[in-house]
C-alpha atoms as a PDB file:
ATOM      1  CA  MET A   1     -48.410  32.462  19.956  1.00  0.00           C
ATOM      2  CA  ARG A   2     -49.942  34.101  16.922  1.00  0.00           C
ATOM      3  CA  HIS A   3     -48.898  34.211  13.291  1.00  0.00           C
ATOM      4  CA  SER A   4     -48.283  37.607  11.818  1.00  0.00           C
ATOM      5  CA  GLY A   5     -51.516  39.138  10.673  1.00  0.00           C
ATOM      6  CA  GLY A   6     -53.366  37.925  13.774  1.00  0.00           C
ATOM      7  CA  LYS A   7     -54.239  34.491  12.417  1.00  0.00           C
ATOM      8  CA  SER A   8     -54.708  31.853  15.076  1.00  0.00           C
ATOM      9  CA  LEU A   9     -51.988  29.246  15.349  1.00  0.00           C
ATOM     10  CA  ILE A  10     -52.996  25.598  15.023  1.00  0.00           C
ATOM     11  CA  VAL A  11     -50.914  23.356  17.261  1.00  0.00           C
ATOM     12  CA  LEU A  12     -50.651  19.603  17.298  1.00  0.00           C
ATOM     13  CA  ILE A  13     -49.818  18.791  20.906  1.00  0.00           C
ATOM     14  CA  ASP A  14     -47.517  15.790  20.627  1.00  0.00           C
ATOM     15  CA  SER A  15     -47.520  12.873  23.044  1.00  0.00           C
ATOM     16  CA  TRP A  16     -44.158  14.072  24.365  1.00  0.00           C
ATOM     17  CA  ALA A  17     -45.704  17.366  25.512  1.00  0.00           C
ATOM     18  CA  TRP A  18     -48.672  15.671  27.218  1.00  0.00           C
ATOM     19  CA  VAL A  19     -46.416  13.224  29.066  1.00  0.00           C
ATOM     20  CA  GLU A  20     -44.040  15.956  30.262  1.00  0.00           C
ATOM     21  CA  TYR A  21     -47.010  18.077  31.335  1.00  0.00           C
ATOM     22  CA  TRP A  22     -48.488  15.282  33.438  1.00  0.00           C
ATOM     23  CA  LYS A  23     -45.113  14.211  34.833  1.00  0.00           C
ATOM     24  CA  GLY A  24     -44.525  17.755  36.045  1.00  0.00           C
ATOM     25  CA  SER A  25     -41.065  17.681  34.478  1.00  0.00           C
ATOM     26  CA  LYS A  26     -38.911  20.730  33.843  1.00  0.00           C
ATOM     27  CA  TYR A  27     -40.683  21.037  30.465  1.00  0.00           C
ATOM     28  CA  SER A  28     -44.190  20.994  31.932  1.00  0.00           C
ATOM     29  CA  GLU A  29     -44.399  24.774  32.288  1.00  0.00           C
ATOM     30  CA  VAL A  30     -43.590  25.349  28.608  1.00  0.00           C
ATOM     31  CA  ALA A  31     -45.920  22.525  27.557  1.00  0.00           C
ATOM     32  CA  SER A  32     -48.691  24.039  29.671  1.00  0.00           C
ATOM     33  CA  LYS A  33     -48.559  27.237  27.593  1.00  0.00           C
ATOM     34  CA  TYR A  34     -49.883  25.199  24.673  1.00  0.00           C
ATOM     35  CA  ILE A  35     -51.992  22.660  26.566  1.00  0.00           C
ATOM     36  CA  GLU A  36     -53.731  25.363  28.604  1.00  0.00           C
ATOM     37  CA  GLY A  37     -53.467  28.009  25.882  1.00  0.00           C
ATOM     38  CA  GLU A  38     -55.962  29.553  23.495  1.00  0.00           C
ATOM     39  CA  ASP A  39     -54.607  28.274  20.173  1.00  0.00           C
ATOM     40  CA  GLN A  40     -56.643  25.786  18.199  1.00  0.00           C
ATOM     41  CA  ALA A  41     -55.272  22.386  19.244  1.00  0.00           C
ATOM     42  CA  ILE A  42     -55.321  18.986  17.597  1.00  0.00           C
ATOM     43  CA  VAL A  43     -53.819  15.569  18.201  1.00  0.00           C
ATOM     44  CA  SER A  44     -53.456  12.605  15.939  1.00  0.00           C
ATOM     45  CA  ALA A  45     -55.273   9.427  16.915  1.00  0.00           C
ATOM     46  CA  ILE A  46     -51.703   8.068  17.114  1.00  0.00           C
ATOM     47  CA  ASN A  47     -50.919  10.589  19.902  1.00  0.00           C
ATOM     48  CA  LEU A  48     -54.009   9.451  21.752  1.00  0.00           C
ATOM     49  CA  ALA A  49     -52.842   5.822  21.541  1.00  0.00           C
ATOM     50  CA  GLU A  50     -49.306   6.703  22.682  1.00  0.00           C
ATOM     51  CA  VAL A  51     -50.471   8.740  25.678  1.00  0.00           C
ATOM     52  CA  TYR A  52     -53.123   6.209  26.688  1.00  0.00           C
ATOM     53  CA  HIS A  53     -50.497   3.455  26.575  1.00  0.00           C
ATOM     54  CA  TRP A  54     -48.074   5.546  28.665  1.00  0.00           C
ATOM     55  CA  ILE A  55     -50.751   6.083  31.321  1.00  0.00           C
ATOM     56  CA  LEU A  56     -51.731   2.391  31.397  1.00  0.00           C
ATOM     57  CA  ARG A  57     -48.103   1.423  32.053  1.00  0.00           C
ATOM     58  CA  SER A  58     -48.083   3.313  35.355  1.00  0.00           C
ATOM     59  CA  TYR A  59     -51.725   3.708  36.342  1.00  0.00           C
ATOM     60  CA  ASP A  60     -55.059   2.074  35.642  1.00  0.00           C
ATOM     61  CA  GLU A  61     -57.735   2.349  32.992  1.00  0.00           C
ATOM     62  CA  ARG A  62     -59.830   4.728  35.100  1.00  0.00           C
ATOM     63  CA  ILE A  63     -57.001   7.278  35.150  1.00  0.00           C
ATOM     64  CA  ALA A  64     -56.258   6.636  31.479  1.00  0.00           C
ATOM     65  CA  GLU A  65     -59.892   7.439  30.667  1.00  0.00           C
ATOM     66  CA  ARG A  66     -59.724  10.692  32.660  1.00  0.00           C
ATOM     67  CA  LYS A  67     -56.572  11.759  30.835  1.00  0.00           C
ATOM     68  CA  ARG A  68     -58.099  10.772  27.470  1.00  0.00           C
ATOM     69  CA  ALA A  69     -61.117  12.920  28.252  1.00  0.00           C
ATOM     70  CA  THR A  70     -58.792  15.842  29.074  1.00  0.00           C
ATOM     71  CA  ILE A  71     -57.021  15.462  25.729  1.00  0.00           C
ATOM     72  CA  GLU A  72     -60.312  15.244  23.846  1.00  0.00           C
ATOM     73  CA  LYS A  73     -61.716  18.284  25.673  1.00  0.00           C
ATOM     74  CA  ARG A  74     -58.700  20.393  24.654  1.00  0.00           C
ATOM     75  CA  CYS A  75     -57.930  18.926  21.227  1.00  0.00           C
ATOM     76  CA  PHE A  76     -59.759  17.823  18.142  1.00  0.00           C
ATOM     77  CA  VAL A  77     -58.647  14.229  17.475  1.00  0.00           C
ATOM     78  CA  ILE A  78     -57.668  13.713  13.836  1.00  0.00           C
ATOM     79  CA  PRO A  79     -58.164  10.114  12.687  1.00  0.00           C
ATOM     80  CA  VAL A  80     -55.678   8.485  10.360  1.00  0.00           C
ATOM     81  CA  ASP A  81     -57.311   8.486   6.956  1.00  0.00           C
ATOM     82  CA  ARG A  82     -56.102   7.541   3.486  1.00  0.00           C
ATOM     83  CA  THR A  83     -54.563  10.973   2.804  1.00  0.00           C
ATOM     84  CA  ILE A  84     -52.636  11.007   6.088  1.00  0.00           C
ATOM     85  CA  ALA A  85     -51.511   7.399   5.596  1.00  0.00           C
ATOM     86  CA  ILE A  86     -50.108   8.092   2.135  1.00  0.00           C
ATOM     87  CA  GLU A  87     -48.389  11.308   3.261  1.00  0.00           C
ATOM     88  CA  ALA A  88     -46.913   9.426   6.239  1.00  0.00           C
ATOM     89  CA  ALA A  89     -45.469   6.767   3.932  1.00  0.00           C
ATOM     90  CA  LYS A  90     -43.792   9.503   1.869  1.00  0.00           C
ATOM     91  CA  ILE A  91     -42.421  11.140   5.016  1.00  0.00           C
ATOM     92  CA  LYS A  92     -41.119   7.824   6.338  1.00  0.00           C
ATOM     93  CA  ARG A  93     -39.362   7.106   3.058  1.00  0.00           C
ATOM     94  CA  GLY A  94     -38.002  10.624   2.624  1.00  0.00           C
ATOM     95  CA  GLN A  95     -37.052  11.503   6.179  1.00  0.00           C
ATOM     96  CA  GLY A  96     -36.620   8.130   7.838  1.00  0.00           C
ATOM     97  CA  LEU A  97     -38.900   8.878  10.781  1.00  0.00           C
ATOM     98  CA  ALA A  98     -40.592   6.068  12.678  1.00  0.00           C
ATOM     99  CA  LEU A  99     -44.026   5.252  11.295  1.00  0.00           C
ATOM    100  CA  ALA A 100     -45.872   6.745  14.303  1.00  0.00           C
ATOM    101  CA  ASP A 101     -43.860   9.984  14.018  1.00  0.00           C
ATOM    102  CA  SER A 102     -44.487  10.027  10.261  1.00  0.00           C
ATOM    103  CA  LEU A 103     -48.241   9.731  10.866  1.00  0.00           C
ATOM    104  CA  ILE A 104     -48.120  12.558  13.415  1.00  0.00           C
ATOM    105  CA  LEU A 105     -46.104  14.807  11.096  1.00  0.00           C
ATOM    106  CA  ALA A 106     -48.431  14.020   8.186  1.00  0.00           C
ATOM    107  CA  THR A 107     -51.401  14.968  10.381  1.00  0.00           C
ATOM    108  CA  ALA A 108     -49.747  18.285  11.242  1.00  0.00           C
ATOM    109  CA  ARG A 109     -48.835  19.075   7.638  1.00  0.00           C
ATOM    110  CA  ILE A 110     -52.285  18.289   6.274  1.00  0.00           C
ATOM    111  CA  SER A 111     -53.926  20.266   9.087  1.00  0.00           C
ATOM    112  CA  GLY A 112     -51.605  23.254   8.739  1.00  0.00           C
ATOM    113  CA  ALA A 113     -50.440  22.777  12.329  1.00  0.00           C
ATOM    114  CA  LYS A 114     -47.161  23.136  14.178  1.00  0.00           C
ATOM    115  CA  VAL A 115     -46.086  20.118  16.268  1.00  0.00           C
ATOM    116  CA  VAL A 116     -45.432  21.098  19.895  1.00  0.00           C
ATOM    117  CA  THR A 117     -42.836  18.619  21.123  1.00  0.00           C
ATOM    118  CA  GLY A 118     -39.426  18.020  22.616  1.00  0.00           C
ATOM    119  CA  ASP A 119     -38.958  14.784  20.685  1.00  0.00           C
ATOM    120  CA  GLU A 120     -35.492  14.964  19.108  1.00  0.00           C
ATOM    121  CA  ASP A 121     -36.777  13.366  15.894  1.00  0.00           C
ATOM    122  CA  PHE A 122     -38.800  16.542  15.257  1.00  0.00           C
ATOM    123  CA  ARG A 123     -36.148  19.107  16.295  1.00  0.00           C
ATOM    124  CA  GLN A 124     -35.010  20.236  12.826  1.00  0.00           C
ATOM    125  CA  LEU A 125     -38.399  20.102  11.108  1.00  0.00           C
ATOM    126  CA  PRO A 126     -39.970  23.429  10.092  1.00  0.00           C
ATOM    127  CA  GLU A 127     -43.379  22.240  11.355  1.00  0.00           C
ATOM    128  CA  THR A 128     -42.051  21.998  14.916  1.00  0.00           C
ATOM    129  CA  ILE A 129     -42.308  24.241  17.942  1.00  0.00           C
ATOM    130  CA  PHE A 130     -39.469  22.593  19.850  1.00  0.00           C
ATOM    131  CA  ILE A 131     -39.814  22.859  23.632  1.00  0.00           C
ATOM    132  CA  GLY A 132     -37.063  20.465  24.705  1.00  0.00           C
ATOM    133  CA  GLU A 133     -33.399  21.237  25.301  1.00  0.00           C
END
């Protein structure tokens, strides 16, 4: 999980990867290589909202807070700022992604990160480390 030349890889661990990891799905082992790995990891504030919402649907706020703390311990949370918002609008227009996905992709591009996901909307994008089928 290193670029040539020994540079550390920056990964944006997408909501999809976190959910699969916690569900213990067939993708959890691959997701764990990034979630438990040594690469520099980030998430968009949008990812944090998506994961927190997913947890609240099935559990309670206490568990959601524990999972949030886990994400924030592993990843630097990138807020949506003006630069990310404008880049996301361009992505949405040019690639037709949903706004949340556009914000996540913009965060990855601006941060020089690869998006670790199995979300089909990201499959063909060069910024993606695709871990789904």
